[in-house]
Amino acid sequence: MNYNVKIVEDERGSLISFDDIDSLHLKRFFFIECKQDFWRGDHYHKKGTQQIYIIDGSVEYVLESKDNKITGLLEKGQSITQNTNTKFKFKSITKTSKIAVFCDNIYDVKDYYNDWNTGDAL
């Protein structure tokens, strides 16, 4: 999933545009405001891919598959892809962080899983 992001900032504030998003086959788009030190996510999907873009702030993240675990830091203007069968969780390390999420699949509560061993849904 790729898109072009343009950020224009001046004394009034900022404007963030996401261009060429039709190449994402976008089915869902949402924003998250995450408060400092609270974990969000911690689940995976058997269908679909998500592109997570940091609009403001910084987040610590864990990206995990059955065989691999990657941790890191994402700051404003950075993004990460959560592929099918990859858990993603994050917490804000700034007072708040604002995140945009682009999905190529519709919301389906039956597609939210958190246990690798049993495949149990949330």
C-alpha atoms as a PDB file:
ATOM      1  CA  MET A   1       0.000   0.000   0.000  1.00  0.00           C
ATOM      2  CA  ASN A   2       1.510   3.272  -1.081  1.00  0.00           C
ATOM      3  CA  TYR A   3       0.277   6.842  -1.175  1.00  0.00           C
ATOM      4  CA  ASN A   4       1.720  10.319  -1.349  1.00  0.00           C
ATOM      5  CA  VAL A   5       1.550  12.473   1.761  1.00  0.00           C
ATOM      6  CA  LYS A   6       1.956  16.223   1.662  1.00  0.00           C
ATOM      7  CA  ILE A   7       2.229  18.309   4.838  1.00  0.00           C
ATOM      8  CA  VAL A   8       1.904  22.083   4.618  1.00  0.00           C
ATOM      9  CA  GLU A   9       2.561  23.999   7.827  1.00  0.00           C
ATOM     10  CA  ASP A  10       2.380  27.701   8.534  1.00  0.00           C
ATOM     11  CA  GLU A  11       1.495  30.021  11.424  1.00  0.00           C
ATOM     12  CA  ARG A  12      -2.166  28.914  11.224  1.00  0.00           C
ATOM     13  CA  GLY A  13      -1.428  25.222  11.717  1.00  0.00           C
ATOM     14  CA  SER A  14      -1.047  22.338   9.314  1.00  0.00           C
ATOM     15  CA  LEU A  15      -2.790  20.684   6.406  1.00  0.00           C
ATOM     16  CA  ILE A  16      -2.062  17.033   5.657  1.00  0.00           C
ATOM     17  CA  SER A  17      -3.207  15.577   2.332  1.00  0.00           C
ATOM     18  CA  PHE A  18      -3.103  11.934   1.271  1.00  0.00           C
ATOM     19  CA  ASP A  19      -2.920  11.700  -2.512  1.00  0.00           C
ATOM     20  CA  ASP A  20      -3.259   8.747  -4.887  1.00  0.00           C
ATOM     21  CA  ILE A  21      -5.116   6.713  -2.267  1.00  0.00           C
ATOM     22  CA  ASP A  22      -7.289   5.019  -4.884  1.00  0.00           C
ATOM     23  CA  SER A  23      -4.252   2.815  -5.534  1.00  0.00           C
ATOM     24  CA  LEU A  24      -4.827   1.429  -2.014  1.00  0.00           C
ATOM     25  CA  HIS A  25      -8.178  -0.149  -2.862  1.00  0.00           C
ATOM     26  CA  LEU A  26      -9.335   1.701   0.236  1.00  0.00           C
ATOM     27  CA  LYS A  27     -12.306   0.142   2.030  1.00  0.00           C
ATOM     28  CA  ARG A  28     -11.947   1.856   5.417  1.00  0.00           C
ATOM     29  CA  PHE A  29     -10.165   4.915   6.801  1.00  0.00           C
ATOM     30  CA  PHE A  30     -10.124   6.092  10.418  1.00  0.00           C
ATOM     31  CA  PHE A  31      -8.254   8.257  12.913  1.00  0.00           C
ATOM     32  CA  ILE A  32      -7.039   7.316  16.382  1.00  0.00           C
ATOM     33  CA  GLU A  33      -5.997   9.709  19.122  1.00  0.00           C
ATOM     34  CA  CYS A  34      -3.865   7.773  21.575  1.00  0.00           C
ATOM     35  CA  LYS A  35      -3.090   9.078  25.055  1.00  0.00           C
ATOM     36  CA  GLN A  36       0.381   8.714  26.524  1.00  0.00           C
ATOM     37  CA  ASP A  37       1.336   5.287  27.966  1.00  0.00           C
ATOM     38  CA  PHE A  38      -1.850   3.487  26.852  1.00  0.00           C
ATOM     39  CA  TRP A  39      -1.413   0.526  24.493  1.00  0.00           C
ATOM     40  CA  ARG A  40      -3.740   0.253  21.482  1.00  0.00           C
ATOM     41  CA  GLY A  41      -4.196  -2.490  18.924  1.00  0.00           C
ATOM     42  CA  ASP A  42      -2.602  -5.814  19.973  1.00  0.00           C
ATOM     43  CA  HIS A  43      -4.510  -7.851  17.415  1.00  0.00           C
ATOM     44  CA  TYR A  44      -4.120  -9.218  13.923  1.00  0.00           C
ATOM     45  CA  HIS A  45      -6.373  -9.771  10.938  1.00  0.00           C
ATOM     46  CA  LYS A  46      -6.606 -12.890   8.798  1.00  0.00           C
ATOM     47  CA  LYS A  47      -7.784 -10.708   5.921  1.00  0.00           C
ATOM     48  CA  GLY A  48      -6.507  -7.361   4.746  1.00  0.00           C
ATOM     49  CA  THR A  49      -3.636  -4.940   5.145  1.00  0.00           C
ATOM     50  CA  GLN A  50      -3.472  -1.671   7.061  1.00  0.00           C
ATOM     51  CA  GLN A  51      -1.177   1.293   6.509  1.00  0.00           C
ATOM     52  CA  ILE A  52      -0.688   3.251   9.750  1.00  0.00           C
ATOM     53  CA  TYR A  53       0.463   6.887   9.385  1.00  0.00           C
ATOM     54  CA  ILE A  54       1.537   9.107  12.322  1.00  0.00           C
ATOM     55  CA  ILE A  55      -0.088  12.520  11.935  1.00  0.00           C
ATOM     56  CA  ASP A  56       1.207  13.982  15.194  1.00  0.00           C
ATOM     57  CA  GLY A  57       3.323  12.810  18.118  1.00  0.00           C
ATOM     58  CA  SER A  58       5.430   9.679  18.513  1.00  0.00           C
ATOM     59  CA  VAL A  59       4.495   6.071  19.189  1.00  0.00           C
ATOM     60  CA  GLU A  60       6.380   3.030  20.361  1.00  0.00           C
ATOM     61  CA  TYR A  61       5.264  -0.015  18.392  1.00  0.00           C
ATOM     62  CA  VAL A  62       5.471  -3.801  18.328  1.00  0.00           C
ATOM     63  CA  LEU A  63       4.955  -5.582  15.002  1.00  0.00           C
ATOM     64  CA  GLU A  64       4.781  -9.338  15.500  1.00  0.00           C
ATOM     65  CA  SER A  65       4.177 -12.448  13.429  1.00  0.00           C
ATOM     66  CA  LYS A  66       4.300 -16.032  14.665  1.00  0.00           C
ATOM     67  CA  ASP A  67       8.025 -16.178  13.870  1.00  0.00           C
ATOM     68  CA  ASN A  68       9.277 -12.622  14.261  1.00  0.00           C
ATOM     69  CA  LYS A  69       8.950  -9.577  16.517  1.00  0.00           C
ATOM     70  CA  ILE A  70      10.037  -6.037  15.604  1.00  0.00           C
ATOM     71  CA  THR A  71       9.896  -3.057  17.952  1.00  0.00           C
ATOM     72  CA  GLY A  72      10.542   0.552  17.133  1.00  0.00           C
ATOM     73  CA  LEU A  73       9.548   4.183  17.220  1.00  0.00           C
ATOM     74  CA  LEU A  74       7.358   6.017  14.715  1.00  0.00           C
ATOM     75  CA  GLU A  75       7.229   9.799  14.655  1.00  0.00           C
ATOM     76  CA  LYS A  76       5.105  12.363  12.861  1.00  0.00           C
ATOM     77  CA  GLY A  77       5.285  11.821   9.125  1.00  0.00           C
ATOM     78  CA  GLN A  78       6.273   8.155   9.323  1.00  0.00           C
ATOM     79  CA  SER A  79       4.189   5.091   8.520  1.00  0.00           C
ATOM     80  CA  ILE A  80       4.208   1.314   8.844  1.00  0.00           C
ATOM     81  CA  THR A  81       2.314  -1.493   7.135  1.00  0.00           C
ATOM     82  CA  GLN A  82       0.462  -4.178   9.065  1.00  0.00           C
ATOM     83  CA  ASN A  83       0.056  -7.170   6.787  1.00  0.00           C
ATOM     84  CA  THR A  84      -2.340 -10.076   7.166  1.00  0.00           C
ATOM     85  CA  ASN A  85      -1.498 -12.283  10.176  1.00  0.00           C
ATOM     86  CA  THR A  86       0.788  -9.627  11.705  1.00  0.00           C
ATOM     87  CA  LYS A  87      -0.064  -8.237  15.155  1.00  0.00           C
ATOM     88  CA  PHE A  88       0.396  -4.508  15.645  1.00  0.00           C
ATOM     89  CA  LYS A  89       0.234  -2.642  18.933  1.00  0.00           C
ATOM     90  CA  PHE A  90       1.379   0.841  19.853  1.00  0.00           C
ATOM     91  CA  LYS A  91       1.403   3.411  22.634  1.00  0.00           C
ATOM     92  CA  SER A  92       1.967   7.129  22.547  1.00  0.00           C
ATOM     93  CA  ILE A  93       5.203   8.334  24.101  1.00  0.00           C
ATOM     94  CA  THR A  94       4.140  11.949  23.699  1.00  0.00           C
ATOM     95  CA  LYS A  95       1.168  13.470  25.549  1.00  0.00           C
ATOM     96  CA  THR A  96      -1.051  12.357  22.670  1.00  0.00           C
ATOM     97  CA  SER A  97      -0.463  10.948  19.219  1.00  0.00           C
ATOM     98  CA  LYS A  98      -2.775  11.164  16.247  1.00  0.00           C
ATOM     99  CA  ILE A  99      -2.795   8.293  13.782  1.00  0.00           C
ATOM    100  CA  ALA A 100      -4.522   7.731  10.426  1.00  0.00           C
ATOM    101  CA  VAL A 101      -5.226   4.147   9.384  1.00  0.00           C
ATOM    102  CA  PHE A 102      -5.922   3.093   5.786  1.00  0.00           C
ATOM    103  CA  CYS A 103      -7.484  -0.357   5.325  1.00  0.00           C
ATOM    104  CA  ASP A 104      -8.048  -2.455   2.233  1.00  0.00           C
ATOM    105  CA  ASN A 105     -10.767  -4.457   4.007  1.00  0.00           C
ATOM    106  CA  ILE A 106     -14.063  -3.493   5.632  1.00  0.00           C
ATOM    107  CA  TYR A 107     -14.611  -3.711   9.384  1.00  0.00           C
ATOM    108  CA  ASP A 108     -15.550  -7.233  10.457  1.00  0.00           C
ATOM    109  CA  VAL A 109     -15.455  -8.023  14.180  1.00  0.00           C
ATOM    110  CA  LYS A 110     -14.957 -11.705  13.288  1.00  0.00           C
ATOM    111  CA  ASP A 111     -11.596 -10.814  11.686  1.00  0.00           C
ATOM    112  CA  TYR A 112      -9.970  -9.451  14.869  1.00  0.00           C
ATOM    113  CA  TYR A 113      -7.704 -12.081  16.473  1.00  0.00           C
ATOM    114  CA  ASN A 114      -5.272 -11.872  19.371  1.00  0.00           C
ATOM    115  CA  ASP A 115      -4.132 -15.429  20.161  1.00  0.00           C
ATOM    116  CA  TRP A 116      -1.621 -17.111  17.829  1.00  0.00           C
ATOM    117  CA  ASN A 117      -2.101 -20.573  19.313  1.00  0.00           C
ATOM    118  CA  THR A 118      -5.871 -20.844  19.318  1.00  0.00           C
ATOM    119  CA  GLY A 119      -6.739 -18.296  16.650  1.00  0.00           C
ATOM    120  CA  ASP A 120      -9.325 -16.898  19.067  1.00  0.00           C
ATOM    121  CA  ALA A 121     -11.118 -13.738  18.077  1.00  0.00           C
ATOM    122  CA  LEU A 122     -11.229 -10.773  20.447  1.00  0.00           C
END
